Amino acid sequence: MSYVDAGYGIALGVLALYSLSLLLRRRRLERAAERVGAGGEDGVRLGDAPSRGSDR
């Protein structure tokens, strides 16, 4: 195995771990959003917060 092959293997391994962490983060955030949204009237929904510069 050459150093180039080893470098590609390491890079692909790092990218695979990074993509796995992004998937797990997304699932965790979706579950947290469901818990907040399940609160009924007090739940926060997307688009509820005023955007910057909206008071012009």
PDB file of N, CA and C in Angstrom:
ATOM      1  N   MET A   1       0.857  -1.174   0.000  1.00  0.00           N
ATOM      2  CA  MET A   1       0.000   0.000   0.000  1.00  0.00           C
ATOM      3  C   MET A   1       0.903   1.238   0.000  1.00  0.00           C
ATOM      4  N   SER A   2       0.593   2.147  -0.888  1.00  0.00           N
ATOM      5  CA  SER A   2       1.413   3.358  -0.967  1.00  0.00           C
ATOM      6  C   SER A   2       0.879   4.433  -0.023  1.00  0.00           C
ATOM      7  N   TYR A   3       1.686   5.454   0.147  1.00  0.00           N
ATOM      8  CA  TYR A   3       1.266   6.564   1.012  1.00  0.00           C
ATOM      9  C   TYR A   3       0.058   7.291   0.441  1.00  0.00           C
ATOM     10  N   VAL A   4      -0.050   7.343  -0.887  1.00  0.00           N
ATOM     11  CA  VAL A   4      -1.196   8.006  -1.516  1.00  0.00           C
ATOM     12  C   VAL A   4      -2.477   7.244  -1.194  1.00  0.00           C
ATOM     13  N   ASP A   5      -2.421   5.922  -1.327  1.00  0.00           N
ATOM     14  CA  ASP A   5      -3.597   5.110  -1.000  1.00  0.00           C
ATOM     15  C   ASP A   5      -3.977   5.256   0.471  1.00  0.00           C
ATOM     16  N   ALA A   6      -2.976   5.282   1.329  1.00  0.00           N
ATOM     17  CA  ALA A   6      -3.248   5.442   2.757  1.00  0.00           C
ATOM     18  C   ALA A   6      -3.875   6.810   3.030  1.00  0.00           C
ATOM     19  N   GLY A   7      -3.405   7.836   2.349  1.00  0.00           N
ATOM     20  CA  GLY A   7      -3.973   9.178   2.517  1.00  0.00           C
ATOM     21  C   GLY A   7      -5.426   9.240   2.087  1.00  0.00           C
ATOM     22  N   TYR A   8      -5.732   8.616   0.937  1.00  0.00           N
ATOM     23  CA  TYR A   8      -7.119   8.567   0.484  1.00  0.00           C
ATOM     24  C   TYR A   8      -7.988   7.793   1.464  1.00  0.00           C
ATOM     25  N   GLY A   9      -7.471   6.711   1.983  1.00  0.00           N
ATOM     26  CA  GLY A   9      -8.226   5.921   2.948  1.00  0.00           C
ATOM     27  C   GLY A   9      -8.532   6.706   4.212  1.00  0.00           C
ATOM     28  N   ILE A  10      -7.537   7.440   4.697  1.00  0.00           N
ATOM     29  CA  ILE A  10      -7.741   8.260   5.894  1.00  0.00           C
ATOM     30  C   ILE A  10      -8.752   9.373   5.621  1.00  0.00           C
ATOM     31  N   ALA A  11      -8.622  10.026   4.452  1.00  0.00           N
ATOM     32  CA  ALA A  11      -9.545  11.114   4.114  1.00  0.00           C
ATOM     33  C   ALA A  11     -10.975  10.600   4.000  1.00  0.00           C
ATOM     34  N   LEU A  12     -11.163   9.455   3.364  1.00  0.00           N
ATOM     35  CA  LEU A  12     -12.510   8.900   3.237  1.00  0.00           C
ATOM     36  C   LEU A  12     -13.069   8.473   4.593  1.00  0.00           C
ATOM     37  N   GLY A  13     -12.221   7.951   5.454  1.00  0.00           N
ATOM     38  CA  GLY A  13     -12.661   7.588   6.789  1.00  0.00           C
ATOM     39  C   GLY A  13     -13.106   8.790   7.592  1.00  0.00           C
ATOM     40  N   VAL A  14     -12.347   9.880   7.494  1.00  0.00           N
ATOM     41  CA  VAL A  14     -12.708  11.111   8.208  1.00  0.00           C
ATOM     42  C   VAL A  14     -14.021  11.668   7.678  1.00  0.00           C
ATOM     43  N   LEU A  15     -14.191  11.660   6.347  1.00  0.00           N
ATOM     44  CA  LEU A  15     -15.445  12.148   5.771  1.00  0.00           C
ATOM     45  C   LEU A  15     -16.633  11.288   6.190  1.00  0.00           C
ATOM     46  N   ALA A  16     -16.434   9.980   6.278  1.00  0.00           N
ATOM     47  CA  ALA A  16     -17.512   9.098   6.710  1.00  0.00           C
ATOM     48  C   ALA A  16     -17.898   9.394   8.161  1.00  0.00           C
ATOM     49  N   LEU A  17     -16.912   9.590   9.026  1.00  0.00           N
ATOM     50  CA  LEU A  17     -17.208   9.919  10.424  1.00  0.00           C
ATOM     51  C   LEU A  17     -17.911  11.264  10.541  1.00  0.00           C
ATOM     52  N   TYR A  18     -17.490  12.238   9.727  1.00  0.00           N
ATOM     53  CA  TYR A  18     -18.116  13.559   9.749  1.00  0.00           C
ATOM     54  C   TYR A  18     -19.570  13.473   9.288  1.00  0.00           C
ATOM     55  N   SER A  19     -19.833  12.713   8.224  1.00  0.00           N
ATOM     56  CA  SER A  19     -21.208  12.584   7.744  1.00  0.00           C
ATOM     57  C   SER A  19     -22.076  11.868   8.772  1.00  0.00           C
ATOM     58  N   LEU A  20     -21.519  10.891   9.460  1.00  0.00           N
ATOM     59  CA  LEU A  20     -22.264  10.207  10.513  1.00  0.00           C
ATOM     60  C   LEU A  20     -22.609  11.168  11.651  1.00  0.00           C
ATOM     61  N   SER A  21     -21.653  12.016  12.012  1.00  0.00           N
ATOM     62  CA  SER A  21     -21.932  12.985  13.086  1.00  0.00           C
ATOM     63  C   SER A  21     -23.003  13.987  12.665  1.00  0.00           C
ATOM     64  N   LEU A  22     -23.009  14.380  11.380  1.00  0.00           N
ATOM     65  CA  LEU A  22     -24.042  15.301  10.901  1.00  0.00           C
ATOM     66  C   LEU A  22     -25.423  14.647  10.930  1.00  0.00           C
ATOM     67  N   LEU A  23     -25.488  13.368  10.559  1.00  0.00           N
ATOM     68  CA  LEU A  23     -26.769  12.668  10.601  1.00  0.00           C
ATOM     69  C   LEU A  23     -27.289  12.547  12.028  1.00  0.00           C
ATOM     70  N   LEU A  24     -26.405  12.207  12.952  1.00  0.00           N
ATOM     71  CA  LEU A  24     -26.828  12.086  14.346  1.00  0.00           C
ATOM     72  C   LEU A  24     -27.262  13.432  14.908  1.00  0.00           C
ATOM     73  N   ARG A  25     -26.567  14.493  14.537  1.00  0.00           N
ATOM     74  CA  ARG A  25     -26.936  15.835  15.011  1.00  0.00           C
ATOM     75  C   ARG A  25     -28.308  16.220  14.471  1.00  0.00           C
ATOM     76  N   ARG A  26     -28.555  15.898  13.195  1.00  0.00           N
ATOM     77  CA  ARG A  26     -29.846  16.235  12.598  1.00  0.00           C
ATOM     78  C   ARG A  26     -30.974  15.507  13.310  1.00  0.00           C
ATOM     79  N   ARG A  27     -30.791  14.215  13.595  1.00  0.00           N
ATOM     80  CA  ARG A  27     -31.827  13.451  14.290  1.00  0.00           C
ATOM     81  C   ARG A  27     -32.087  14.024  15.677  1.00  0.00           C
ATOM     82  N   ARG A  28     -31.006  14.400  16.379  1.00  0.00           N
ATOM     83  CA  ARG A  28     -31.161  14.948  17.719  1.00  0.00           C
ATOM     84  C   ARG A  28     -31.902  16.287  17.670  1.00  0.00           C
ATOM     85  N   LEU A  29     -31.561  17.133  16.685  1.00  0.00           N
ATOM     86  CA  LEU A  29     -32.234  18.426  16.572  1.00  0.00           C
ATOM     87  C   LEU A  29     -33.697  18.262  16.167  1.00  0.00           C
ATOM     88  N   GLU A  30     -33.994  17.300  15.298  1.00  0.00           N
ATOM     89  CA  GLU A  30     -35.384  17.071  14.912  1.00  0.00           C
ATOM     90  C   GLU A  30     -36.213  16.600  16.101  1.00  0.00           C
ATOM     91  N   ARG A  31     -35.648  15.721  16.930  1.00  0.00           N
ATOM     92  CA  ARG A  31     -36.373  15.262  18.117  1.00  0.00           C
ATOM     93  C   ARG A  31     -36.589  16.408  19.093  1.00  0.00           C
ATOM     94  N   ALA A  32     -35.590  17.277  19.248  1.00  0.00           N
ATOM     95  CA  ALA A  32     -35.741  18.424  20.142  1.00  0.00           C
ATOM     96  C   ALA A  32     -36.800  19.384  19.611  1.00  0.00           C
ATOM     97  N   ALA A  33     -36.842  19.565  18.294  1.00  0.00           N
ATOM     98  CA  ALA A  33     -37.838  20.451  17.699  1.00  0.00           C
ATOM     99  C   ALA A  33     -39.242  19.885  17.867  1.00  0.00           C
ATOM    100  N   GLU A  34     -39.364  18.554  17.786  1.00  0.00           N
ATOM    101  CA  GLU A  34     -40.671  17.944  18.001  1.00  0.00           C
ATOM    102  C   GLU A  34     -41.136  18.143  19.437  1.00  0.00           C
ATOM    103  N   ARG A  35     -40.215  18.037  20.391  1.00  0.00           N
ATOM    104  CA  ARG A  35     -40.581  18.242  21.793  1.00  0.00           C
ATOM    105  C   ARG A  35     -41.029  19.671  22.029  1.00  0.00           C
ATOM    106  N   VAL A  36     -40.338  20.619  21.438  1.00  0.00           N
ATOM    107  CA  VAL A  36     -40.703  22.029  21.610  1.00  0.00           C
ATOM    108  C   VAL A  36     -42.019  22.307  20.905  1.00  0.00           C
ATOM    109  N   GLY A  37     -42.203  21.747  19.706  1.00  0.00           N
ATOM    110  CA  GLY A  37     -43.431  21.967  18.943  1.00  0.00           C
ATOM    111  C   GLY A  37     -44.626  21.275  19.552  1.00  0.00           C
ATOM    112  N   ALA A  38     -44.407  20.234  20.341  1.00  0.00           N
ATOM    113  CA  ALA A  38     -45.517  19.493  20.940  1.00  0.00           C
ATOM    114  C   ALA A  38     -46.108  20.232  22.126  1.00  0.00           C
ATOM    115  N   GLY A  39     -45.544  21.368  22.499  1.00  0.00           N
ATOM    116  CA  GLY A  39     -46.012  22.116  23.643  1.00  0.00           C
ATOM    117  C   GLY A  39     -47.302  22.861  23.410  1.00  0.00           C
ATOM    118  N   GLY A  40     -47.844  22.811  22.197  1.00  0.00           N
ATOM    119  CA  GLY A  40     -49.106  23.498  21.908  1.00  0.00           C
ATOM    120  C   GLY A  40     -48.866  24.957  21.569  1.00  0.00           C
ATOM    121  N   GLU A  41     -49.637  25.830  22.198  1.00  0.00           N
ATOM    122  CA  GLU A  41     -49.555  27.266  21.910  1.00  0.00           C
ATOM    123  C   GLU A  41     -48.204  27.854  22.280  1.00  0.00           C
ATOM    124  N   ASP A  42     -47.572  27.289  23.302  1.00  0.00           N
ATOM    125  CA  ASP A  42     -46.297  27.822  23.758  1.00  0.00           C
ATOM    126  C   ASP A  42     -45.126  27.354  22.897  1.00  0.00           C
ATOM    127  N   GLY A  43     -45.366  26.405  22.003  1.00  0.00           N
ATOM    128  CA  GLY A  43     -44.285  25.873  21.174  1.00  0.00           C
ATOM    129  C   GLY A  43     -43.776  26.911  20.185  1.00  0.00           C
ATOM    130  N   VAL A  44     -42.545  26.818  19.858  1.00  0.00           N
ATOM    131  CA  VAL A  44     -41.933  27.740  18.906  1.00  0.00           C
ATOM    132  C   VAL A  44     -41.948  27.089  17.541  1.00  0.00           C
ATOM    133  N   ARG A  45     -42.446  27.817  16.564  1.00  0.00           N
ATOM    134  CA  ARG A  45     -42.469  27.307  15.200  1.00  0.00           C
ATOM    135  C   ARG A  45     -41.564  28.168  14.344  1.00  0.00           C
ATOM    136  N   LEU A  46     -41.104  27.587  13.249  1.00  0.00           N
ATOM    137  CA  LEU A  46     -40.295  28.360  12.319  1.00  0.00           C
ATOM    138  C   LEU A  46     -41.118  29.503  11.762  1.00  0.00           C
ATOM    139  N   GLY A  47     -40.523  30.659  11.630  1.00  0.00           N
ATOM    140  CA  GLY A  47     -41.215  31.818  11.104  1.00  0.00           C
ATOM    141  C   GLY A  47     -41.888  32.663  12.163  1.00  0.00           C
ATOM    142  N   ASP A  48     -41.924  32.213  13.409  1.00  0.00           N
ATOM    143  CA  ASP A  48     -42.553  32.996  14.467  1.00  0.00           C
ATOM    144  C   ASP A  48     -41.691  34.172  14.917  1.00  0.00           C
ATOM    145  N   ALA A  49     -40.399  33.999  14.878  1.00  0.00           N
ATOM    146  CA  ALA A  49     -39.491  35.040  15.372  1.00  0.00           C
ATOM    147  C   ALA A  49     -39.415  36.163  14.324  1.00  0.00           C
ATOM    148  N   PRO A  50     -39.421  37.400  14.777  1.00  0.00           N
ATOM    149  CA  PRO A  50     -39.302  38.515  13.825  1.00  0.00           C
ATOM    150  C   PRO A  50     -37.908  38.528  13.206  1.00  0.00           C
ATOM    151  N   SER A  51     -37.862  38.881  11.941  1.00  0.00           N
ATOM    152  CA  SER A  51     -36.566  38.942  11.277  1.00  0.00           C
ATOM    153  C   SER A  51     -35.904  40.290  11.551  1.00  0.00           C
ATOM    154  N   ARG A  52     -34.642  40.348  11.298  1.00  0.00           N
ATOM    155  CA  ARG A  52     -33.923  41.605  11.531  1.00  0.00           C
ATOM    156  C   ARG A  52     -34.418  42.681  10.570  1.00  0.00           C
ATOM    157  N   GLY A  53     -34.543  43.850  11.076  1.00  0.00           N
ATOM    158  CA  GLY A  53     -34.961  44.969  10.244  1.00  0.00           C
ATOM    159  C   GLY A  53     -36.460  44.983   9.971  1.00  0.00           C
ATOM    160  N   SER A  54     -37.237  44.191  10.708  1.00  0.00           N
ATOM    161  CA  SER A  54     -38.670  44.126  10.446  1.00  0.00           C
ATOM    162  C   SER A  54     -39.424  45.315  11.028  1.00  0.00           C
ATOM    163  N   ASP A  55     -38.778  46.110  11.874  1.00  0.00           N
ATOM    164  CA  ASP A  55     -39.471  47.226  12.494  1.00  0.00           C
ATOM    165  C   ASP A  55     -39.287  48.531  11.713  1.00  0.00           C
ATOM    166  N   ARG A  56     -38.985  48.426  10.466  1.00  0.00           N
ATOM    167  CA  ARG A  56     -38.833  49.641   9.638  1.00  0.00           C
ATOM    168  C   ARG A  56     -40.144  50.128   9.143  1.00  0.00           C
TER     169      ARG A  56
END
